Amino acid sequence: MAWTDAAGLAGVLLILIAYGLATTGRLDPRRAASLGANFIGASLILVSLTRAFNLSAAVMEGAWALVALAGLVRIGLRSLRR
């Protein structure tokens, strides 16, 4: 297994764990921990796509990463205002 495949699998696992915890109420999807897990997970999947590119997967994971990053920026800006 290539290291890019391992990175992609780690990303999938991270996103699935965050999703599972959010759906069971153990993780707030609007907080930094959940957004960070989604951003890192999507980024790792994007890394895996450098080896075997898939346009639809790249668009999906790119959007996923950008949405999570926007949430993290929102949290950061809110904390600066306090």
PDB file of N, CA and C in Angstrom:
ATOM      1  N   MET A   1       0.847  -1.176   0.000  1.00  0.00           N
ATOM      2  CA  MET A   1       0.000   0.000   0.000  1.00  0.00           C
ATOM      3  C   MET A   1       0.891   1.236   0.000  1.00  0.00           C
ATOM      4  N   ALA A   2       0.583   2.160  -0.876  1.00  0.00           N
ATOM      5  CA  ALA A   2       1.333   3.411  -0.955  1.00  0.00           C
ATOM      6  C   ALA A   2       0.965   4.307   0.226  1.00  0.00           C
ATOM      7  N   TRP A   3       1.882   5.202   0.568  1.00  0.00           N
ATOM      8  CA  TRP A   3       1.619   6.100   1.698  1.00  0.00           C
ATOM      9  C   TRP A   3       0.432   7.008   1.401  1.00  0.00           C
ATOM     10  N   THR A   4       0.190   7.322   0.135  1.00  0.00           N
ATOM     11  CA  THR A   4      -0.959   8.151  -0.205  1.00  0.00           C
ATOM     12  C   THR A   4      -2.276   7.408   0.048  1.00  0.00           C
ATOM     13  N   ASP A   5      -2.277   6.101  -0.195  1.00  0.00           N
ATOM     14  CA  ASP A   5      -3.460   5.292   0.115  1.00  0.00           C
ATOM     15  C   ASP A   5      -3.711   5.265   1.618  1.00  0.00           C
ATOM     16  N   ALA A   6      -2.636   5.115   2.386  1.00  0.00           N
ATOM     17  CA  ALA A   6      -2.764   5.113   3.839  1.00  0.00           C
ATOM     18  C   ALA A   6      -3.286   6.457   4.338  1.00  0.00           C
ATOM     19  N   ALA A   7      -2.814   7.542   3.743  1.00  0.00           N
ATOM     20  CA  ALA A   7      -3.295   8.876   4.122  1.00  0.00           C
ATOM     21  C   ALA A   7      -4.784   9.000   3.825  1.00  0.00           C
ATOM     22  N   GLY A   8      -5.210   8.532   2.662  1.00  0.00           N
ATOM     23  CA  GLY A   8      -6.620   8.589   2.300  1.00  0.00           C
ATOM     24  C   GLY A   8      -7.494   7.772   3.231  1.00  0.00           C
ATOM     25  N   LEU A   9      -7.028   6.586   3.568  1.00  0.00           N
ATOM     26  CA  LEU A   9      -7.805   5.746   4.498  1.00  0.00           C
ATOM     27  C   LEU A   9      -7.886   6.387   5.883  1.00  0.00           C
ATOM     28  N   ALA A  10      -6.799   6.997   6.321  1.00  0.00           N
ATOM     29  CA  ALA A  10      -6.815   7.695   7.612  1.00  0.00           C
ATOM     30  C   ALA A  10      -7.809   8.855   7.567  1.00  0.00           C
ATOM     31  N   GLY A  11      -7.852   9.551   6.438  1.00  0.00           N
ATOM     32  CA  GLY A  11      -8.801  10.641   6.284  1.00  0.00           C
ATOM     33  C   GLY A  11     -10.242  10.171   6.334  1.00  0.00           C
ATOM     34  N   VAL A  12     -10.522   9.085   5.644  1.00  0.00           N
ATOM     35  CA  VAL A  12     -11.875   8.514   5.664  1.00  0.00           C
ATOM     36  C   VAL A  12     -12.247   8.110   7.089  1.00  0.00           C
ATOM     37  N   LEU A  13     -11.348   7.446   7.766  1.00  0.00           N
ATOM     38  CA  LEU A  13     -11.609   7.009   9.135  1.00  0.00           C
ATOM     39  C   LEU A  13     -11.874   8.210  10.056  1.00  0.00           C
ATOM     40  N   LEU A  14     -11.078   9.255   9.906  1.00  0.00           N
ATOM     41  CA  LEU A  14     -11.243  10.445  10.737  1.00  0.00           C
ATOM     42  C   LEU A  14     -12.607  11.093  10.507  1.00  0.00           C
ATOM     43  N   ILE A  15     -13.006  11.232   9.251  1.00  0.00           N
ATOM     44  CA  ILE A  15     -14.308  11.829   8.939  1.00  0.00           C
ATOM     45  C   ILE A  15     -15.442  10.952   9.460  1.00  0.00           C
ATOM     46  N   LEU A  16     -15.324   9.647   9.294  1.00  0.00           N
ATOM     47  CA  LEU A  16     -16.384   8.749   9.765  1.00  0.00           C
ATOM     48  C   LEU A  16     -16.510   8.755  11.280  1.00  0.00           C
ATOM     49  N   ILE A  17     -15.394   8.804  11.975  1.00  0.00           N
ATOM     50  CA  ILE A  17     -15.445   8.876  13.446  1.00  0.00           C
ATOM     51  C   ILE A  17     -16.108  10.174  13.887  1.00  0.00           C
ATOM     52  N   ALA A  18     -15.710  11.297  13.272  1.00  0.00           N
ATOM     53  CA  ALA A  18     -16.310  12.586  13.621  1.00  0.00           C
ATOM     54  C   ALA A  18     -17.810  12.581  13.329  1.00  0.00           C
ATOM     55  N   TYR A  19     -18.194  12.015  12.196  1.00  0.00           N
ATOM     56  CA  TYR A  19     -19.611  11.946  11.843  1.00  0.00           C
ATOM     57  C   TYR A  19     -20.378  11.066  12.841  1.00  0.00           C
ATOM     58  N   GLY A  20     -19.815   9.926  13.171  1.00  0.00           N
ATOM     59  CA  GLY A  20     -20.457   9.039  14.139  1.00  0.00           C
ATOM     60  C   GLY A  20     -20.627   9.698  15.495  1.00  0.00           C
ATOM     61  N   LEU A  21     -19.594  10.386  15.953  1.00  0.00           N
ATOM     62  CA  LEU A  21     -19.684  11.076  17.241  1.00  0.00           C
ATOM     63  C   LEU A  21     -20.691  12.224  17.191  1.00  0.00           C
ATOM     64  N   ALA A  22     -20.757  12.917  16.063  1.00  0.00           N
ATOM     65  CA  ALA A  22     -21.719  14.019  15.924  1.00  0.00           C
ATOM     66  C   ALA A  22     -23.153  13.495  15.901  1.00  0.00           C
ATOM     67  N   THR A  23     -23.386  12.403  15.210  1.00  0.00           N
ATOM     68  CA  THR A  23     -24.755  11.884  15.127  1.00  0.00           C
ATOM     69  C   THR A  23     -25.230  11.264  16.433  1.00  0.00           C
ATOM     70  N   THR A  24     -24.310  10.866  17.283  1.00  0.00           N
ATOM     71  CA  THR A  24     -24.706  10.327  18.589  1.00  0.00           C
ATOM     72  C   THR A  24     -24.698  11.400  19.679  1.00  0.00           C
ATOM     73  N   GLY A  25     -24.428  12.649  19.293  1.00  0.00           N
ATOM     74  CA  GLY A  25     -24.460  13.750  20.248  1.00  0.00           C
ATOM     75  C   GLY A  25     -23.217  13.890  21.090  1.00  0.00           C
ATOM     76  N   ARG A  26     -22.169  13.163  20.778  1.00  0.00           N
ATOM     77  CA  ARG A  26     -20.936  13.238  21.572  1.00  0.00           C
ATOM     78  C   ARG A  26     -19.965  14.301  21.077  1.00  0.00           C
ATOM     79  N   LEU A  27     -20.241  14.859  19.906  1.00  0.00           N
ATOM     80  CA  LEU A  27     -19.360  15.866  19.322  1.00  0.00           C
ATOM     81  C   LEU A  27     -20.236  16.903  18.636  1.00  0.00           C
ATOM     82  N   ASP A  28     -20.047  18.175  19.002  1.00  0.00           N
ATOM     83  CA  ASP A  28     -20.821  19.256  18.395  1.00  0.00           C
ATOM     84  C   ASP A  28     -20.231  19.566  17.021  1.00  0.00           C
ATOM     85  N   PRO A  29     -21.000  19.395  15.946  1.00  0.00           N
ATOM     86  CA  PRO A  29     -20.469  19.604  14.601  1.00  0.00           C
ATOM     87  C   PRO A  29     -20.098  21.051  14.298  1.00  0.00           C
ATOM     88  N   ARG A  30     -20.476  21.984  15.174  1.00  0.00           N
ATOM     89  CA  ARG A  30     -20.137  23.392  14.961  1.00  0.00           C
ATOM     90  C   ARG A  30     -18.884  23.818  15.723  1.00  0.00           C
ATOM     91  N   ARG A  31     -18.301  22.904  16.453  1.00  0.00           N
ATOM     92  CA  ARG A  31     -17.111  23.224  17.252  1.00  0.00           C
ATOM     93  C   ARG A  31     -15.831  22.874  16.500  1.00  0.00           C
ATOM     94  N   ALA A  32     -14.746  23.423  17.008  1.00  0.00           N
ATOM     95  CA  ALA A  32     -13.449  23.284  16.336  1.00  0.00           C
ATOM     96  C   ALA A  32     -12.994  21.833  16.204  1.00  0.00           C
ATOM     97  N   ALA A  33     -13.271  20.997  17.187  1.00  0.00           N
ATOM     98  CA  ALA A  33     -12.811  19.604  17.114  1.00  0.00           C
ATOM     99  C   ALA A  33     -13.428  18.879  15.919  1.00  0.00           C
ATOM    100  N   SER A  34     -14.721  19.057  15.731  1.00  0.00           N
ATOM    101  CA  SER A  34     -15.397  18.410  14.614  1.00  0.00           C
ATOM    102  C   SER A  34     -14.961  19.013  13.279  1.00  0.00           C
ATOM    103  N   LEU A  35     -14.916  20.330  13.216  1.00  0.00           N
ATOM    104  CA  LEU A  35     -14.496  21.000  11.979  1.00  0.00           C
ATOM    105  C   LEU A  35     -13.047  20.660  11.639  1.00  0.00           C
ATOM    106  N   GLY A  36     -12.194  20.598  12.659  1.00  0.00           N
ATOM    107  CA  GLY A  36     -10.794  20.232  12.433  1.00  0.00           C
ATOM    108  C   GLY A  36     -10.650  18.810  11.919  1.00  0.00           C
ATOM    109  N   ALA A  37     -11.411  17.905  12.498  1.00  0.00           N
ATOM    110  CA  ALA A  37     -11.363  16.510  12.040  1.00  0.00           C
ATOM    111  C   ALA A  37     -11.822  16.406  10.590  1.00  0.00           C
ATOM    112  N   ASN A  38     -12.865  17.146  10.243  1.00  0.00           N
ATOM    113  CA  ASN A  38     -13.357  17.119   8.870  1.00  0.00           C
ATOM    114  C   ASN A  38     -12.365  17.763   7.903  1.00  0.00           C
ATOM    115  N   PHE A  39     -11.744  18.858   8.316  1.00  0.00           N
ATOM    116  CA  PHE A  39     -10.755  19.515   7.453  1.00  0.00           C
ATOM    117  C   PHE A  39      -9.537  18.622   7.227  1.00  0.00           C
ATOM    118  N   ILE A  40      -9.014  18.059   8.293  1.00  0.00           N
ATOM    119  CA  ILE A  40      -7.843  17.186   8.174  1.00  0.00           C
ATOM    120  C   ILE A  40      -8.198  15.927   7.381  1.00  0.00           C
ATOM    121  N   GLY A  41      -9.348  15.337   7.673  1.00  0.00           N
ATOM    122  CA  GLY A  41      -9.762  14.137   6.961  1.00  0.00           C
ATOM    123  C   GLY A  41      -9.910  14.375   5.468  1.00  0.00           C
ATOM    124  N   ALA A  42     -10.588  15.454   5.101  1.00  0.00           N
ATOM    125  CA  ALA A  42     -10.768  15.772   3.687  1.00  0.00           C
ATOM    126  C   ALA A  42      -9.429  16.073   3.023  1.00  0.00           C
ATOM    127  N   SER A  43      -8.554  16.750   3.732  1.00  0.00           N
ATOM    128  CA  SER A  43      -7.231  17.059   3.187  1.00  0.00           C
ATOM    129  C   SER A  43      -6.418  15.788   2.943  1.00  0.00           C
ATOM    130  N   LEU A  44      -6.514  14.837   3.861  1.00  0.00           N
ATOM    131  CA  LEU A  44      -5.809  13.570   3.669  1.00  0.00           C
ATOM    132  C   LEU A  44      -6.362  12.795   2.476  1.00  0.00           C
ATOM    133  N   ILE A  45      -7.665  12.852   2.291  1.00  0.00           N
ATOM    134  CA  ILE A  45      -8.252  12.195   1.120  1.00  0.00           C
ATOM    135  C   ILE A  45      -7.775  12.890  -0.157  1.00  0.00           C
ATOM    136  N   LEU A  46      -7.684  14.209  -0.135  1.00  0.00           N
ATOM    137  CA  LEU A  46      -7.162  14.934  -1.297  1.00  0.00           C
ATOM    138  C   LEU A  46      -5.722  14.531  -1.596  1.00  0.00           C
ATOM    139  N   VAL A  47      -4.923  14.315  -0.557  1.00  0.00           N
ATOM    140  CA  VAL A  47      -3.545  13.840  -0.753  1.00  0.00           C
ATOM    141  C   VAL A  47      -3.566  12.494  -1.471  1.00  0.00           C
ATOM    142  N   SER A  48      -4.471  11.615  -1.071  1.00  0.00           N
ATOM    143  CA  SER A  48      -4.534  10.294  -1.712  1.00  0.00           C
ATOM    144  C   SER A  48      -4.914  10.405  -3.178  1.00  0.00           C
ATOM    145  N   LEU A  49      -5.640  11.442  -3.536  1.00  0.00           N
ATOM    146  CA  LEU A  49      -6.069  11.617  -4.926  1.00  0.00           C
ATOM    147  C   LEU A  49      -4.939  12.104  -5.829  1.00  0.00           C
ATOM    148  N   THR A  50      -3.813  12.489  -5.251  1.00  0.00           N
ATOM    149  CA  THR A  50      -2.673  12.878  -6.090  1.00  0.00           C
ATOM    150  C   THR A  50      -2.079  11.661  -6.789  1.00  0.00           C
ATOM    151  N   ARG A  51      -2.310  10.495  -6.235  1.00  0.00           N
ATOM    152  CA  ARG A  51      -1.784   9.257  -6.830  1.00  0.00           C
ATOM    153  C   ARG A  51      -2.721   8.702  -7.898  1.00  0.00           C
ATOM    154  N   ALA A  52      -3.992   8.699  -7.605  1.00  0.00           N
ATOM    155  CA  ALA A  52      -4.999   8.201  -8.549  1.00  0.00           C
ATOM    156  C   ALA A  52      -6.135   9.221  -8.563  1.00  0.00           C
ATOM    157  N   PHE A  53      -6.063  10.173  -9.501  1.00  0.00           N
ATOM    158  CA  PHE A  53      -7.001  11.290  -9.511  1.00  0.00           C
ATOM    159  C   PHE A  53      -8.398  10.857  -9.917  1.00  0.00           C
ATOM    160  N   ASN A  54      -9.375  11.425  -9.222  1.00  0.00           N
ATOM    161  CA  ASN A  54     -10.786  11.217  -9.519  1.00  0.00           C
ATOM    162  C   ASN A  54     -11.451  12.580  -9.344  1.00  0.00           C
ATOM    163  N   LEU A  55     -11.926  13.163 -10.433  1.00  0.00           N
ATOM    164  CA  LEU A  55     -12.436  14.530 -10.401  1.00  0.00           C
ATOM    165  C   LEU A  55     -13.590  14.710  -9.426  1.00  0.00           C
ATOM    166  N   SER A  56     -14.568  13.821  -9.471  1.00  0.00           N
ATOM    167  CA  SER A  56     -15.731  13.983  -8.590  1.00  0.00           C
ATOM    168  C   SER A  56     -15.324  13.871  -7.119  1.00  0.00           C
ATOM    169  N   ALA A  57     -14.427  12.968  -6.792  1.00  0.00           N
ATOM    170  CA  ALA A  57     -13.956  12.840  -5.411  1.00  0.00           C
ATOM    171  C   ALA A  57     -13.157  14.075  -5.001  1.00  0.00           C
ATOM    172  N   ALA A  58     -12.352  14.607  -5.915  1.00  0.00           N
ATOM    173  CA  ALA A  58     -11.561  15.803  -5.611  1.00  0.00           C
ATOM    174  C   ALA A  58     -12.467  17.006  -5.353  1.00  0.00           C
ATOM    175  N   VAL A  59     -13.517  17.152  -6.160  1.00  0.00           N
ATOM    176  CA  VAL A  59     -14.458  18.257  -5.956  1.00  0.00           C
ATOM    177  C   VAL A  59     -15.167  18.108  -4.615  1.00  0.00           C
ATOM    178  N   MET A  60     -15.626  16.900  -4.313  1.00  0.00           N
ATOM    179  CA  MET A  60     -16.327  16.655  -3.058  1.00  0.00           C
ATOM    180  C   MET A  60     -15.437  16.941  -1.855  1.00  0.00           C
ATOM    181  N   GLU A  61     -14.244  16.394  -1.862  1.00  0.00           N
ATOM    182  CA  GLU A  61     -13.351  16.566  -0.715  1.00  0.00           C
ATOM    183  C   GLU A  61     -12.822  17.991  -0.620  1.00  0.00           C
ATOM    184  N   GLY A  62     -12.619  18.632  -1.776  1.00  0.00           N
ATOM    185  CA  GLY A  62     -12.212  20.037  -1.751  1.00  0.00           C
ATOM    186  C   GLY A  62     -13.286  20.907  -1.126  1.00  0.00           C
ATOM    187  N   ALA A  63     -14.539  20.668  -1.513  1.00  0.00           N
ATOM    188  CA  ALA A  63     -15.652  21.419  -0.931  1.00  0.00           C
ATOM    189  C   ALA A  63     -15.785  21.125   0.560  1.00  0.00           C
ATOM    190  N   TRP A  64     -15.627  19.862   0.931  1.00  0.00           N
ATOM    191  CA  TRP A  64     -15.722  19.449   2.341  1.00  0.00           C
ATOM    192  C   TRP A  64     -14.659  20.181   3.164  1.00  0.00           C
ATOM    193  N   ALA A  65     -13.443  20.225   2.639  1.00  0.00           N
ATOM    194  CA  ALA A  65     -12.346  20.898   3.340  1.00  0.00           C
ATOM    195  C   ALA A  65     -12.602  22.396   3.446  1.00  0.00           C
ATOM    196  N   LEU A  66     -13.100  23.011   2.376  1.00  0.00           N
ATOM    197  CA  LEU A  66     -13.355  24.459   2.395  1.00  0.00           C
ATOM    198  C   LEU A  66     -14.477  24.829   3.364  1.00  0.00           C
ATOM    199  N   VAL A  67     -15.520  24.032   3.425  1.00  0.00           N
ATOM    200  CA  VAL A  67     -16.612  24.304   4.367  1.00  0.00           C
ATOM    201  C   VAL A  67     -16.100  24.191   5.806  1.00  0.00           C
ATOM    202  N   ALA A  68     -15.330  23.149   6.078  1.00  0.00           N
ATOM    203  CA  ALA A  68     -14.773  22.981   7.428  1.00  0.00           C
ATOM    204  C   ALA A  68     -13.814  24.117   7.758  1.00  0.00           C
ATOM    205  N   LEU A  69     -12.995  24.510   6.802  1.00  0.00           N
ATOM    206  CA  LEU A  69     -12.055  25.613   7.023  1.00  0.00           C
ATOM    207  C   LEU A  69     -12.807  26.916   7.282  1.00  0.00           C
ATOM    208  N   ALA A  70     -13.890  27.163   6.552  1.00  0.00           N
ATOM    209  CA  ALA A  70     -14.692  28.366   6.782  1.00  0.00           C
ATOM    210  C   ALA A  70     -15.241  28.379   8.209  1.00  0.00           C
ATOM    211  N   GLY A  71     -15.673  27.230   8.690  1.00  0.00           N
ATOM    212  CA  GLY A  71     -16.153  27.145  10.069  1.00  0.00           C
ATOM    213  C   GLY A  71     -15.052  27.408  11.080  1.00  0.00           C
ATOM    214  N   LEU A  72     -13.865  26.895  10.807  1.00  0.00           N
ATOM    215  CA  LEU A  72     -12.732  27.139  11.710  1.00  0.00           C
ATOM    216  C   LEU A  72     -12.345  28.623  11.715  1.00  0.00           C
ATOM    217  N   VAL A  73     -12.367  29.255  10.555  1.00  0.00           N
ATOM    218  CA  VAL A  73     -12.073  30.690  10.471  1.00  0.00           C
ATOM    219  C   VAL A  73     -13.117  31.477  11.242  1.00  0.00           C
ATOM    220  N   ARG A  74     -14.384  31.098  11.098  1.00  0.00           N
ATOM    221  CA  ARG A  74     -15.464  31.768  11.837  1.00  0.00           C
ATOM    222  C   ARG A  74     -15.228  31.683  13.343  1.00  0.00           C
ATOM    223  N   ILE A  75     -14.849  30.504  13.811  1.00  0.00           N
ATOM    224  CA  ILE A  75     -14.572  30.327  15.241  1.00  0.00           C
ATOM    225  C   ILE A  75     -13.383  31.182  15.652  1.00  0.00           C
ATOM    226  N   GLY A  76     -12.340  31.194  14.826  1.00  0.00           N
ATOM    227  CA  GLY A  76     -11.160  31.998  15.139  1.00  0.00           C
ATOM    228  C   GLY A  76     -11.463  33.481  15.194  1.00  0.00           C
ATOM    229  N   LEU A  77     -12.238  33.975  14.248  1.00  0.00           N
ATOM    230  CA  LEU A  77     -12.595  35.391  14.244  1.00  0.00           C
ATOM    231  C   LEU A  77     -13.469  35.751  15.437  1.00  0.00           C
ATOM    232  N   ARG A  78     -14.372  34.854  15.787  1.00  0.00           N
ATOM    233  CA  ARG A  78     -15.223  35.094  16.948  1.00  0.00           C
ATOM    234  C   ARG A  78     -14.401  35.179  18.230  1.00  0.00           C
ATOM    235  N   SER A  79     -13.394  34.339  18.352  1.00  0.00           N
ATOM    236  CA  SER A  79     -12.568  34.358  19.559  1.00  0.00           C
ATOM    237  C   SER A  79     -11.698  35.619  19.609  1.00  0.00           C
ATOM    238  N   LEU A  80     -11.344  36.174  18.451  1.00  0.00           N
ATOM    239  CA  LEU A  80     -10.558  37.414  18.429  1.00  0.00           C
ATOM    240  C   LEU A  80     -11.378  38.619  18.881  1.00  0.00           C
ATOM    241  N   ARG A  81     -12.668  38.581  18.653  1.00  0.00           N
ATOM    242  CA  ARG A  81     -13.551  39.685  19.021  1.00  0.00           C
ATOM    243  C   ARG A  81     -13.809  39.759  20.515  1.00  0.00           C
ATOM    244  N   ARG A  82     -13.552  38.688  21.214  1.00  0.00           N
ATOM    245  CA  ARG A  82     -13.841  38.655  22.660  1.00  0.00           C
ATOM    246  C   ARG A  82     -12.797  39.358  23.458  1.00  0.00           C
TER     247      ARG A  82
END
